[in-house]
Amino acid sequence: LMDIAINYARQEKFNKVFADTRLDRK
């Protein structure tokens, strides 16, 4: 899943990709 999302971000020429999560989501 991460591979497809990051490849899409590169293809679309995004400069940065952000993500948020919770402390308990190890």
mmCIF file of all heavy atoms, coordinates in Angstrom:
data_MODEL
# 
_entry.id   MODEL 
# 
loop_
_atom_site.group_PDB 
_atom_site.id 
_atom_site.type_symbol 
_atom_site.label_atom_id 
_atom_site.label_alt_id 
_atom_site.label_comp_id 
_atom_site.label_asym_id 
_atom_site.label_entity_id 
_atom_site.label_seq_id 
_atom_site.pdbx_PDB_ins_code 
_atom_site.Cartn_x 
_atom_site.Cartn_y 
_atom_site.Cartn_z 
_atom_site.occupancy 
_atom_site.B_iso_or_equiv 
_atom_site.pdbx_formal_charge 
_atom_site.auth_seq_id 
_atom_site.auth_comp_id 
_atom_site.auth_asym_id 
_atom_site.auth_atom_id 
_atom_site.pdbx_PDB_model_num 
ATOM 1   N N   . LEU A 1 1  ? 0.831  -1.207 0.000   1.00 0.00 ? 1  LEU A N   1 
ATOM 2   C CA  . LEU A 1 1  ? 0.000  0.000  0.000   1.00 0.00 ? 1  LEU A CA  1 
ATOM 3   C C   . LEU A 1 1  ? 0.866  1.258  0.000   1.00 0.00 ? 1  LEU A C   1 
ATOM 4   O O   . LEU A 1 1  ? 0.610  2.205  -0.755  1.00 0.00 ? 1  LEU A O   1 
ATOM 5   C CB  . LEU A 1 1  ? -0.946 -0.003 1.207   1.00 0.00 ? 1  LEU A CB  1 
ATOM 6   C CG  . LEU A 1 1  ? -2.046 -1.059 1.158   1.00 0.00 ? 1  LEU A CG  1 
ATOM 7   C CD1 . LEU A 1 1  ? -2.682 -1.237 2.527   1.00 0.00 ? 1  LEU A CD1 1 
ATOM 8   C CD2 . LEU A 1 1  ? -3.099 -0.698 0.119   1.00 0.00 ? 1  LEU A CD2 1 
ATOM 9   N N   . MET A 1 2  ? 1.889  1.279  0.841   1.00 0.00 ? 2  MET A N   1 
ATOM 10  C CA  . MET A 1 2  ? 2.781  2.453  0.873   1.00 0.00 ? 2  MET A CA  1 
ATOM 11  C C   . MET A 1 2  ? 3.508  2.617  -0.450  1.00 0.00 ? 2  MET A C   1 
ATOM 12  O O   . MET A 1 2  ? 3.678  3.748  -0.917  1.00 0.00 ? 2  MET A O   1 
ATOM 13  C CB  . MET A 1 2  ? 3.787  2.322  2.018   1.00 0.00 ? 2  MET A CB  1 
ATOM 14  C CG  . MET A 1 2  ? 3.207  2.596  3.380   1.00 0.00 ? 2  MET A CG  1 
ATOM 15  S SD  . MET A 1 2  ? 2.499  4.250  3.576   1.00 0.00 ? 2  MET A SD  1 
ATOM 16  C CE  . MET A 1 2  ? 3.952  5.256  3.470   1.00 0.00 ? 2  MET A CE  1 
ATOM 17  N N   . ASP A 1 3  ? 3.923  1.523  -1.061  1.00 0.00 ? 3  ASP A N   1 
ATOM 18  C CA  . ASP A 1 3  ? 4.617  1.615  -2.347  1.00 0.00 ? 3  ASP A CA  1 
ATOM 19  C C   . ASP A 1 3  ? 3.749  2.299  -3.394  1.00 0.00 ? 3  ASP A C   1 
ATOM 20  O O   . ASP A 1 3  ? 4.225  3.184  -4.108  1.00 0.00 ? 3  ASP A O   1 
ATOM 21  C CB  . ASP A 1 3  ? 5.022  0.221  -2.851  1.00 0.00 ? 3  ASP A CB  1 
ATOM 22  C CG  . ASP A 1 3  ? 6.217  -0.354 -2.118  1.00 0.00 ? 3  ASP A CG  1 
ATOM 23  O OD1 . ASP A 1 3  ? 6.873  0.372  -1.345  1.00 0.00 ? 3  ASP A OD1 1 
ATOM 24  O OD2 . ASP A 1 3  ? 6.493  -1.561 -2.315  1.00 0.00 ? 3  ASP A OD2 1 
ATOM 25  N N   . ILE A 1 4  ? 2.468  1.919  -3.476  1.00 0.00 ? 4  ILE A N   1 
ATOM 26  C CA  . ILE A 1 4  ? 1.605  2.521  -4.491  1.00 0.00 ? 4  ILE A CA  1 
ATOM 27  C C   . ILE A 1 4  ? 1.385  3.999  -4.211  1.00 0.00 ? 4  ILE A C   1 
ATOM 28  O O   . ILE A 1 4  ? 1.384  4.819  -5.124  1.00 0.00 ? 4  ILE A O   1 
ATOM 29  C CB  . ILE A 1 4  ? 0.260  1.752  -4.649  1.00 0.00 ? 4  ILE A CB  1 
ATOM 30  C CG1 . ILE A 1 4  ? -0.477 2.187  -5.919  1.00 0.00 ? 4  ILE A CG1 1 
ATOM 31  C CG2 . ILE A 1 4  ? -0.662 1.940  -3.473  1.00 0.00 ? 4  ILE A CG2 1 
ATOM 32  C CD1 . ILE A 1 4  ? 0.065  1.645  -7.177  1.00 0.00 ? 4  ILE A CD1 1 
ATOM 33  N N   . ALA A 1 5  ? 1.206  4.364  -2.947  1.00 0.00 ? 5  ALA A N   1 
ATOM 34  C CA  . ALA A 1 5  ? 0.965  5.761  -2.600  1.00 0.00 ? 5  ALA A CA  1 
ATOM 35  C C   . ALA A 1 5  ? 2.205  6.628  -2.856  1.00 0.00 ? 5  ALA A C   1 
ATOM 36  O O   . ALA A 1 5  ? 2.102  7.722  -3.418  1.00 0.00 ? 5  ALA A O   1 
ATOM 37  C CB  . ALA A 1 5  ? 0.522  5.881  -1.147  1.00 0.00 ? 5  ALA A CB  1 
ATOM 38  N N   . ILE A 1 6  ? 3.369  6.138  -2.473  1.00 0.00 ? 6  ILE A N   1 
ATOM 39  C CA  . ILE A 1 6  ? 4.600  6.916  -2.680  1.00 0.00 ? 6  ILE A CA  1 
ATOM 40  C C   . ILE A 1 6  ? 4.927  7.012  -4.165  1.00 0.00 ? 6  ILE A C   1 
ATOM 41  O O   . ILE A 1 6  ? 5.331  8.079  -4.652  1.00 0.00 ? 6  ILE A O   1 
ATOM 42  C CB  . ILE A 1 6  ? 5.767  6.317  -1.868  1.00 0.00 ? 6  ILE A CB  1 
ATOM 43  C CG1 . ILE A 1 6  ? 5.500  6.538  -0.359  1.00 0.00 ? 6  ILE A CG1 1 
ATOM 44  C CG2 . ILE A 1 6  ? 7.097  6.941  -2.274  1.00 0.00 ? 6  ILE A CG2 1 
ATOM 45  C CD1 . ILE A 1 6  ? 6.455  5.799  0.557   1.00 0.00 ? 6  ILE A CD1 1 
ATOM 46  N N   . ASN A 1 7  ? 4.744  5.942  -4.909  1.00 0.00 ? 7  ASN A N   1 
ATOM 47  C CA  . ASN A 1 7  ? 4.970  6.003  -6.356  1.00 0.00 ? 7  ASN A CA  1 
ATOM 48  C C   . ASN A 1 7  ? 4.025  6.999  -7.018  1.00 0.00 ? 7  ASN A C   1 
ATOM 49  O O   . ASN A 1 7  ? 4.425  7.743  -7.921  1.00 0.00 ? 7  ASN A O   1 
ATOM 50  C CB  . ASN A 1 7  ? 4.831  4.616  -6.986  1.00 0.00 ? 7  ASN A CB  1 
ATOM 51  C CG  . ASN A 1 7  ? 6.005  3.722  -6.660  1.00 0.00 ? 7  ASN A CG  1 
ATOM 52  O OD1 . ASN A 1 7  ? 7.098  4.192  -6.329  1.00 0.00 ? 7  ASN A OD1 1 
ATOM 53  N ND2 . ASN A 1 7  ? 5.793  2.419  -6.716  1.00 0.00 ? 7  ASN A ND2 1 
ATOM 54  N N   . TYR A 1 8  ? 2.770  7.017  -6.586  1.00 0.00 ? 8  TYR A N   1 
ATOM 55  C CA  . TYR A 1 8  ? 1.810  7.994  -7.103  1.00 0.00 ? 8  TYR A CA  1 
ATOM 56  C C   . TYR A 1 8  ? 2.288  9.417  -6.776  1.00 0.00 ? 8  TYR A C   1 
ATOM 57  O O   . TYR A 1 8  ? 2.235  10.306 -7.631  1.00 0.00 ? 8  TYR A O   1 
ATOM 58  C CB  . TYR A 1 8  ? 0.430  7.733  -6.484  1.00 0.00 ? 8  TYR A CB  1 
ATOM 59  C CG  . TYR A 1 8  ? -0.615 8.739  -6.854  1.00 0.00 ? 8  TYR A CG  1 
ATOM 60  C CD1 . TYR A 1 8  ? -1.383 8.599  -8.007  1.00 0.00 ? 8  TYR A CD1 1 
ATOM 61  C CD2 . TYR A 1 8  ? -0.860 9.843  -6.044  1.00 0.00 ? 8  TYR A CD2 1 
ATOM 62  C CE1 . TYR A 1 8  ? -2.351 9.527  -8.341  1.00 0.00 ? 8  TYR A CE1 1 
ATOM 63  C CE2 . TYR A 1 8  ? -1.835 10.780 -6.370  1.00 0.00 ? 8  TYR A CE2 1 
ATOM 64  C CZ  . TYR A 1 8  ? -2.572 10.617 -7.518  1.00 0.00 ? 8  TYR A CZ  1 
ATOM 65  O OH  . TYR A 1 8  ? -3.531 11.546 -7.844  1.00 0.00 ? 8  TYR A OH  1 
ATOM 66  N N   . ALA A 1 9  ? 2.743  9.635  -5.555  1.00 0.00 ? 9  ALA A N   1 
ATOM 67  C CA  . ALA A 1 9  ? 3.221  10.961 -5.146  1.00 0.00 ? 9  ALA A CA  1 
ATOM 68  C C   . ALA A 1 9  ? 4.395  11.409 -6.015  1.00 0.00 ? 9  ALA A C   1 
ATOM 69  O O   . ALA A 1 9  ? 4.469  12.575 -6.422  1.00 0.00 ? 9  ALA A O   1 
ATOM 70  C CB  . ALA A 1 9  ? 3.615  10.950 -3.679  1.00 0.00 ? 9  ALA A CB  1 
ATOM 71  N N   . ARG A 1 10 ? 5.292  10.497 -6.304  1.00 0.00 ? 10 ARG A N   1 
ATOM 72  C CA  . ARG A 1 10 ? 6.432  10.841 -7.171  1.00 0.00 ? 10 ARG A CA  1 
ATOM 73  C C   . ARG A 1 10 ? 5.958  11.146 -8.594  1.00 0.00 ? 10 ARG A C   1 
ATOM 74  O O   . ARG A 1 10 ? 6.406  12.109 -9.212  1.00 0.00 ? 10 ARG A O   1 
ATOM 75  C CB  . ARG A 1 10 ? 7.429  9.695  -7.180  1.00 0.00 ? 10 ARG A CB  1 
ATOM 76  C CG  . ARG A 1 10 ? 8.258  9.623  -5.924  1.00 0.00 ? 10 ARG A CG  1 
ATOM 77  C CD  . ARG A 1 10 ? 9.452  8.673  -6.074  1.00 0.00 ? 10 ARG A CD  1 
ATOM 78  N NE  . ARG A 1 10 ? 10.298 8.782  -4.912  1.00 0.00 ? 10 ARG A NE  1 
ATOM 79  C CZ  . ARG A 1 10 ? 10.355 7.883  -3.935  1.00 0.00 ? 10 ARG A CZ  1 
ATOM 80  N NH1 . ARG A 1 10 ? 9.637  6.773  -4.014  1.00 0.00 ? 10 ARG A NH1 1 
ATOM 81  N NH2 . ARG A 1 10 ? 11.146 8.071  -2.903  1.00 0.00 ? 10 ARG A NH2 1 
ATOM 82  N N   . GLN A 1 11 ? 5.064  10.313 -9.091  1.00 0.00 ? 11 GLN A N   1 
ATOM 83  C CA  . GLN A 1 11 ? 4.530  10.499 -10.442 1.00 0.00 ? 11 GLN A CA  1 
ATOM 84  C C   . GLN A 1 11 ? 3.824  11.852 -10.577 1.00 0.00 ? 11 GLN A C   1 
ATOM 85  O O   . GLN A 1 11 ? 3.938  12.524 -11.605 1.00 0.00 ? 11 GLN A O   1 
ATOM 86  C CB  . GLN A 1 11 ? 3.550  9.371  -10.751 1.00 0.00 ? 11 GLN A CB  1 
ATOM 87  C CG  . GLN A 1 11 ? 2.801  9.498  -12.039 1.00 0.00 ? 11 GLN A CG  1 
ATOM 88  C CD  . GLN A 1 11 ? 1.702  8.432  -12.137 1.00 0.00 ? 11 GLN A CD  1 
ATOM 89  O OE1 . GLN A 1 11 ? 1.863  7.308  -11.689 1.00 0.00 ? 11 GLN A OE1 1 
ATOM 90  N NE2 . GLN A 1 11 ? 0.583  8.805  -12.722 1.00 0.00 ? 11 GLN A NE2 1 
ATOM 91  N N   . GLU A 1 12 ? 3.093  12.236 -9.532  1.00 0.00 ? 12 GLU A N   1 
ATOM 92  C CA  . GLU A 1 12 ? 2.366  13.512 -9.541  1.00 0.00 ? 12 GLU A CA  1 
ATOM 93  C C   . GLU A 1 12 ? 3.252  14.689 -9.147  1.00 0.00 ? 12 GLU A C   1 
ATOM 94  O O   . GLU A 1 12 ? 2.773  15.820 -9.059  1.00 0.00 ? 12 GLU A O   1 
ATOM 95  C CB  . GLU A 1 12 ? 1.153  13.422 -8.606  1.00 0.00 ? 12 GLU A CB  1 
ATOM 96  C CG  . GLU A 1 12 ? 0.121  12.403 -9.060  1.00 0.00 ? 12 GLU A CG  1 
ATOM 97  C CD  . GLU A 1 12 ? -0.477 12.730 -10.419 1.00 0.00 ? 12 GLU A CD  1 
ATOM 98  O OE1 . GLU A 1 12 ? -0.867 13.896 -10.642 1.00 0.00 ? 12 GLU A OE1 1 
ATOM 99  O OE2 . GLU A 1 12 ? -0.547 11.807 -11.267 1.00 0.00 ? 12 GLU A OE2 1 
ATOM 100 N N   . LYS A 1 13 ? 4.519  14.410 -8.879  1.00 0.00 ? 13 LYS A N   1 
ATOM 101 C CA  . LYS A 1 13 ? 5.526  15.422 -8.577  1.00 0.00 ? 13 LYS A CA  1 
ATOM 102 C C   . LYS A 1 13 ? 5.233  16.234 -7.310  1.00 0.00 ? 13 LYS A C   1 
ATOM 103 O O   . LYS A 1 13 ? 5.476  17.443 -7.258  1.00 0.00 ? 13 LYS A O   1 
ATOM 104 C CB  . LYS A 1 13 ? 5.761  16.322 -9.782  1.00 0.00 ? 13 LYS A CB  1 
ATOM 105 C CG  . LYS A 1 13 ? 6.162  15.540 -11.020 1.00 0.00 ? 13 LYS A CG  1 
ATOM 106 C CD  . LYS A 1 13 ? 6.887  16.364 -12.021 1.00 0.00 ? 13 LYS A CD  1 
ATOM 107 C CE  . LYS A 1 13 ? 7.300  15.643 -13.262 1.00 0.00 ? 13 LYS A CE  1 
ATOM 108 N NZ  . LYS A 1 13 ? 7.530  14.264 -13.287 1.00 0.00 ? 13 LYS A NZ  1 
ATOM 109 N N   . PHE A 1 14 ? 4.727  15.545 -6.288  1.00 0.00 ? 14 PHE A N   1 
ATOM 110 C CA  . PHE A 1 14 ? 4.567  16.201 -4.991  1.00 0.00 ? 14 PHE A CA  1 
ATOM 111 C C   . PHE A 1 14 ? 5.947  16.443 -4.397  1.00 0.00 ? 14 PHE A C   1 
ATOM 112 O O   . PHE A 1 14 ? 6.859  15.630 -4.578  1.00 0.00 ? 14 PHE A O   1 
ATOM 113 C CB  . PHE A 1 14 ? 3.742  15.328 -4.032  1.00 0.00 ? 14 PHE A CB  1 
ATOM 114 C CG  . PHE A 1 14 ? 2.275  15.333 -4.350  1.00 0.00 ? 14 PHE A CG  1 
ATOM 115 C CD1 . PHE A 1 14 ? 1.673  14.221 -4.907  1.00 0.00 ? 14 PHE A CD1 1 
ATOM 116 C CD2 . PHE A 1 14 ? 1.493  16.452 -4.089  1.00 0.00 ? 14 PHE A CD2 1 
ATOM 117 C CE1 . PHE A 1 14 ? 0.320  14.213 -5.203  1.00 0.00 ? 14 PHE A CE1 1 
ATOM 118 C CE2 . PHE A 1 14 ? 0.142  16.462 -4.387  1.00 0.00 ? 14 PHE A CE2 1 
ATOM 119 C CZ  . PHE A 1 14 ? -0.449 15.342 -4.940  1.00 0.00 ? 14 PHE A CZ  1 
ATOM 120 N N   . ASN A 1 15 ? 6.112  17.555 -3.695  1.00 0.00 ? 15 ASN A N   1 
ATOM 121 C CA  . ASN A 1 15 ? 7.379  17.869 -3.044  1.00 0.00 ? 15 ASN A CA  1 
ATOM 122 C C   . ASN A 1 15 ? 7.517  17.158 -1.705  1.00 0.00 ? 15 ASN A C   1 
ATOM 123 O O   . ASN A 1 15 ? 8.614  16.732 -1.330  1.00 0.00 ? 15 ASN A O   1 
ATOM 124 C CB  . ASN A 1 15 ? 7.522  19.379 -2.837  1.00 0.00 ? 15 ASN A CB  1 
ATOM 125 C CG  . ASN A 1 15 ? 7.654  20.098 -4.159  1.00 0.00 ? 15 ASN A CG  1 
ATOM 126 O OD1 . ASN A 1 15 ? 8.361  19.657 -5.048  1.00 0.00 ? 15 ASN A OD1 1 
ATOM 127 N ND2 . ASN A 1 15 ? 6.957  21.210 -4.295  1.00 0.00 ? 15 ASN A ND2 1 
ATOM 128 N N   . LYS A 1 16 ? 6.400  17.080 -0.974  1.00 0.00 ? 16 LYS A N   1 
ATOM 129 C CA  . LYS A 1 16 ? 6.399  16.423 0.325   1.00 0.00 ? 16 LYS A CA  1 
ATOM 130 C C   . LYS A 1 16 ? 5.101  15.657 0.499   1.00 0.00 ? 16 LYS A C   1 
ATOM 131 O O   . LYS A 1 16 ? 4.071  16.032 -0.039  1.00 0.00 ? 16 LYS A O   1 
ATOM 132 C CB  . LYS A 1 16 ? 6.521  17.442 1.466   1.00 0.00 ? 16 LYS A CB  1 
ATOM 133 C CG  . LYS A 1 16 ? 7.861  18.136 1.526   1.00 0.00 ? 16 LYS A CG  1 
ATOM 134 C CD  . LYS A 1 16 ? 7.940  19.075 2.715   1.00 0.00 ? 16 LYS A CD  1 
ATOM 135 C CE  . LYS A 1 16 ? 9.309  19.741 2.725   1.00 0.00 ? 16 LYS A CE  1 
ATOM 136 N NZ  . LYS A 1 16 ? 9.454  20.627 3.890   1.00 0.00 ? 16 LYS A NZ  1 
ATOM 137 N N   . VAL A 1 17 ? 5.201  14.588 1.284   1.00 0.00 ? 17 VAL A N   1 
ATOM 138 C CA  . VAL A 1 17 ? 4.025  13.809 1.656   1.00 0.00 ? 17 VAL A CA  1 
ATOM 139 C C   . VAL A 1 17 ? 3.993  13.751 3.182   1.00 0.00 ? 17 VAL A C   1 
ATOM 140 O O   . VAL A 1 17 ? 4.993  13.403 3.811   1.00 0.00 ? 17 VAL A O   1 
ATOM 141 C CB  . VAL A 1 17 ? 4.073  12.381 1.079   1.00 0.00 ? 17 VAL A CB  1 
ATOM 142 C CG1 . VAL A 1 17 ? 2.838  11.598 1.498   1.00 0.00 ? 17 VAL A CG1 1 
ATOM 143 C CG2 . VAL A 1 17 ? 4.199  12.416 -0.435  1.00 0.00 ? 17 VAL A CG2 1 
ATOM 144 N N   . PHE A 1 18 ? 2.858  14.106 3.741   1.00 0.00 ? 18 PHE A N   1 
ATOM 145 C CA  . PHE A 1 18 ? 2.675  14.110 5.188   1.00 0.00 ? 18 PHE A CA  1 
ATOM 146 C C   . PHE A 1 18 ? 1.784  12.952 5.607   1.00 0.00 ? 18 PHE A C   1 
ATOM 147 O O   . PHE A 1 18 ? 1.035  12.403 4.798   1.00 0.00 ? 18 PHE A O   1 
ATOM 148 C CB  . PHE A 1 18 ? 2.022  15.427 5.635   1.00 0.00 ? 18 PHE A CB  1 
ATOM 149 C CG  . PHE A 1 18 ? 2.919  16.625 5.480   1.00 0.00 ? 18 PHE A CG  1 
ATOM 150 C CD1 . PHE A 1 18 ? 3.021  17.288 4.263   1.00 0.00 ? 18 PHE A CD1 1 
ATOM 151 C CD2 . PHE A 1 18 ? 3.658  17.089 6.553   1.00 0.00 ? 18 PHE A CD2 1 
ATOM 152 C CE1 . PHE A 1 18 ? 3.840  18.379 4.115   1.00 0.00 ? 18 PHE A CE1 1 
ATOM 153 C CE2 . PHE A 1 18 ? 4.495  18.190 6.417   1.00 0.00 ? 18 PHE A CE2 1 
ATOM 154 C CZ  . PHE A 1 18 ? 4.581  18.841 5.199   1.00 0.00 ? 18 PHE A CZ  1 
ATOM 155 N N   . ALA A 1 19 ? 1.846  12.606 6.886   1.00 0.00 ? 19 ALA A N   1 
ATOM 156 C CA  . ALA A 1 19 ? 0.967  11.594 7.468   1.00 0.00 ? 19 ALA A CA  1 
ATOM 157 C C   . ALA A 1 19 ? 0.864  11.870 8.962   1.00 0.00 ? 19 ALA A C   1 
ATOM 158 O O   . ALA A 1 19 ? 1.801  12.404 9.567   1.00 0.00 ? 19 ALA A O   1 
ATOM 159 C CB  . ALA A 1 19 ? 1.511  10.192 7.232   1.00 0.00 ? 19 ALA A CB  1 
ATOM 160 N N   . ASP A 1 20 ? -0.280 11.531 9.518   1.00 0.00 ? 20 ASP A N   1 
ATOM 161 C CA  . ASP A 1 20 ? -0.428 11.642 10.967  1.00 0.00 ? 20 ASP A CA  1 
ATOM 162 C C   . ASP A 1 20 ? -0.905 10.310 11.518  1.00 0.00 ? 20 ASP A C   1 
ATOM 163 O O   . ASP A 1 20 ? -1.426 9.471  10.791  1.00 0.00 ? 20 ASP A O   1 
ATOM 164 C CB  . ASP A 1 20 ? -1.367 12.785 11.358  1.00 0.00 ? 20 ASP A CB  1 
ATOM 165 C CG  . ASP A 1 20 ? -2.805 12.585 10.898  1.00 0.00 ? 20 ASP A CG  1 
ATOM 166 O OD1 . ASP A 1 20 ? -3.278 11.438 10.774  1.00 0.00 ? 20 ASP A OD1 1 
ATOM 167 O OD2 . ASP A 1 20 ? -3.486 13.604 10.664  1.00 0.00 ? 20 ASP A OD2 1 
ATOM 168 N N   . THR A 1 21 ? -0.680 10.117 12.811  1.00 0.00 ? 21 THR A N   1 
ATOM 169 C CA  . THR A 1 21 ? -1.116 8.893  13.474  1.00 0.00 ? 21 THR A CA  1 
ATOM 170 C C   . THR A 1 21 ? -1.203 9.150  14.965  1.00 0.00 ? 21 THR A C   1 
ATOM 171 O O   . THR A 1 21 ? -1.006 10.278 15.423  1.00 0.00 ? 21 THR A O   1 
ATOM 172 C CB  . THR A 1 21 ? -0.175 7.703  13.137  1.00 0.00 ? 21 THR A CB  1 
ATOM 173 O OG1 . THR A 1 21 ? -0.789 6.494  13.567  1.00 0.00 ? 21 THR A OG1 1 
ATOM 174 C CG2 . THR A 1 21 ? 1.192  7.860  13.756  1.00 0.00 ? 21 THR A CG2 1 
ATOM 175 N N   . ARG A 1 22 ? -1.495 8.101  15.678  1.00 0.00 ? 22 ARG A N   1 
ATOM 176 C CA  . ARG A 1 22 ? -1.622 8.188  17.136  1.00 0.00 ? 22 ARG A CA  1 
ATOM 177 C C   . ARG A 1 22 ? -0.436 7.484  17.792  1.00 0.00 ? 22 ARG A C   1 
ATOM 178 O O   . ARG A 1 22 ? 0.211  6.632  17.175  1.00 0.00 ? 22 ARG A O   1 
ATOM 179 C CB  . ARG A 1 22 ? -2.936 7.537  17.573  1.00 0.00 ? 22 ARG A CB  1 
ATOM 180 C CG  . ARG A 1 22 ? -4.166 8.223  17.019  1.00 0.00 ? 22 ARG A CG  1 
ATOM 181 C CD  . ARG A 1 22 ? -5.420 7.412  17.230  1.00 0.00 ? 22 ARG A CD  1 
ATOM 182 N NE  . ARG A 1 22 ? -5.560 6.918  18.577  1.00 0.00 ? 22 ARG A NE  1 
ATOM 183 C CZ  . ARG A 1 22 ? -6.309 7.507  19.516  1.00 0.00 ? 22 ARG A CZ  1 
ATOM 184 N NH1 . ARG A 1 22 ? -6.988 8.591  19.225  1.00 0.00 ? 22 ARG A NH1 1 
ATOM 185 N NH2 . ARG A 1 22 ? -6.386 6.997  20.731  1.00 0.00 ? 22 ARG A NH2 1 
ATOM 186 N N   . LEU A 1 23 ? -0.185 7.813  19.042  1.00 0.00 ? 23 LEU A N   1 
ATOM 187 C CA  . LEU A 1 23 ? 0.920  7.197  19.774  1.00 0.00 ? 23 LEU A CA  1 
ATOM 188 C C   . LEU A 1 23 ? 0.769  5.689  19.902  1.00 0.00 ? 23 LEU A C   1 
ATOM 189 O O   . LEU A 1 23 ? 1.758  4.954  19.869  1.00 0.00 ? 23 LEU A O   1 
ATOM 190 C CB  . LEU A 1 23 ? 1.046  7.824  21.171  1.00 0.00 ? 23 LEU A CB  1 
ATOM 191 C CG  . LEU A 1 23 ? 1.538  9.269  21.203  1.00 0.00 ? 23 LEU A CG  1 
ATOM 192 C CD1 . LEU A 1 23 ? 1.355  9.865  22.595  1.00 0.00 ? 23 LEU A CD1 1 
ATOM 193 C CD2 . LEU A 1 23 ? 2.983  9.363  20.764  1.00 0.00 ? 23 LEU A CD2 1 
ATOM 194 N N   . ASP A 1 24 ? -0.473 5.213  20.023  1.00 0.00 ? 24 ASP A N   1 
ATOM 195 C CA  . ASP A 1 24 ? -0.695 3.783  20.209  1.00 0.00 ? 24 ASP A CA  1 
ATOM 196 C C   . ASP A 1 24 ? -0.676 2.994  18.903  1.00 0.00 ? 24 ASP A C   1 
ATOM 197 O O   . ASP A 1 24 ? -0.809 1.782  18.913  1.00 0.00 ? 24 ASP A O   1 
ATOM 198 C CB  . ASP A 1 24 ? -2.005 3.525  20.961  1.00 0.00 ? 24 ASP A CB  1 
ATOM 199 C CG  . ASP A 1 24 ? -3.237 4.044  20.233  1.00 0.00 ? 24 ASP A CG  1 
ATOM 200 O OD1 . ASP A 1 24 ? -3.102 4.792  19.240  1.00 0.00 ? 24 ASP A OD1 1 
ATOM 201 O OD2 . ASP A 1 24 ? -4.350 3.719  20.681  1.00 0.00 ? 24 ASP A OD2 1 
ATOM 202 N N   . ARG A 1 25 ? -0.487 3.639  17.781  1.00 0.00 ? 25 ARG A N   1 
ATOM 203 C CA  . ARG A 1 25 ? -0.461 2.978  16.474  1.00 0.00 ? 25 ARG A CA  1 
ATOM 204 C C   . ARG A 1 25 ? 0.976  2.656  16.073  1.00 0.00 ? 25 ARG A C   1 
ATOM 205 O O   . ARG A 1 25 ? 1.525  3.209  15.130  1.00 0.00 ? 25 ARG A O   1 
ATOM 206 C CB  . ARG A 1 25 ? -1.136 3.850  15.411  1.00 0.00 ? 25 ARG A CB  1 
ATOM 207 C CG  . ARG A 1 25 ? -2.502 4.376  15.813  1.00 0.00 ? 25 ARG A CG  1 
ATOM 208 C CD  . ARG A 1 25 ? -3.438 3.250  16.243  1.00 0.00 ? 25 ARG A CD  1 
ATOM 209 N NE  . ARG A 1 25 ? -3.794 2.428  15.129  1.00 0.00 ? 25 ARG A NE  1 
ATOM 210 C CZ  . ARG A 1 25 ? -4.812 2.651  14.331  1.00 0.00 ? 25 ARG A CZ  1 
ATOM 211 N NH1 . ARG A 1 25 ? -5.610 3.639  14.561  1.00 0.00 ? 25 ARG A NH1 1 
ATOM 212 N NH2 . ARG A 1 25 ? -5.036 1.848  13.325  1.00 0.00 ? 25 ARG A NH2 1 
ATOM 213 N N   . LYS A 1 26 ? 1.583  1.741  16.809  1.00 0.00 ? 26 LYS A N   1 
ATOM 214 C CA  . LYS A 1 26 ? 3.003  1.400  16.624  1.00 0.00 ? 26 LYS A CA  1 
ATOM 215 C C   . LYS A 1 26 ? 3.290  0.837  15.230  1.00 0.00 ? 26 LYS A C   1 
ATOM 216 O O   . LYS A 1 26 ? 4.326  1.137  14.643  1.00 0.00 ? 26 LYS A O   1 
ATOM 217 C CB  . LYS A 1 26 ? 3.464  0.404  17.699  1.00 0.00 ? 26 LYS A CB  1 
ATOM 218 C CG  . LYS A 1 26 ? 3.291  0.906  19.122  1.00 0.00 ? 26 LYS A CG  1 
ATOM 219 C CD  . LYS A 1 26 ? 4.152  2.097  19.399  1.00 0.00 ? 26 LYS A CD  1 
ATOM 220 C CE  . LYS A 1 26 ? 4.029  2.502  20.861  1.00 0.00 ? 26 LYS A CE  1 
ATOM 221 N NZ  . LYS A 1 26 ? 4.557  3.810  21.124  1.00 0.00 ? 26 LYS A NZ  1 
# 
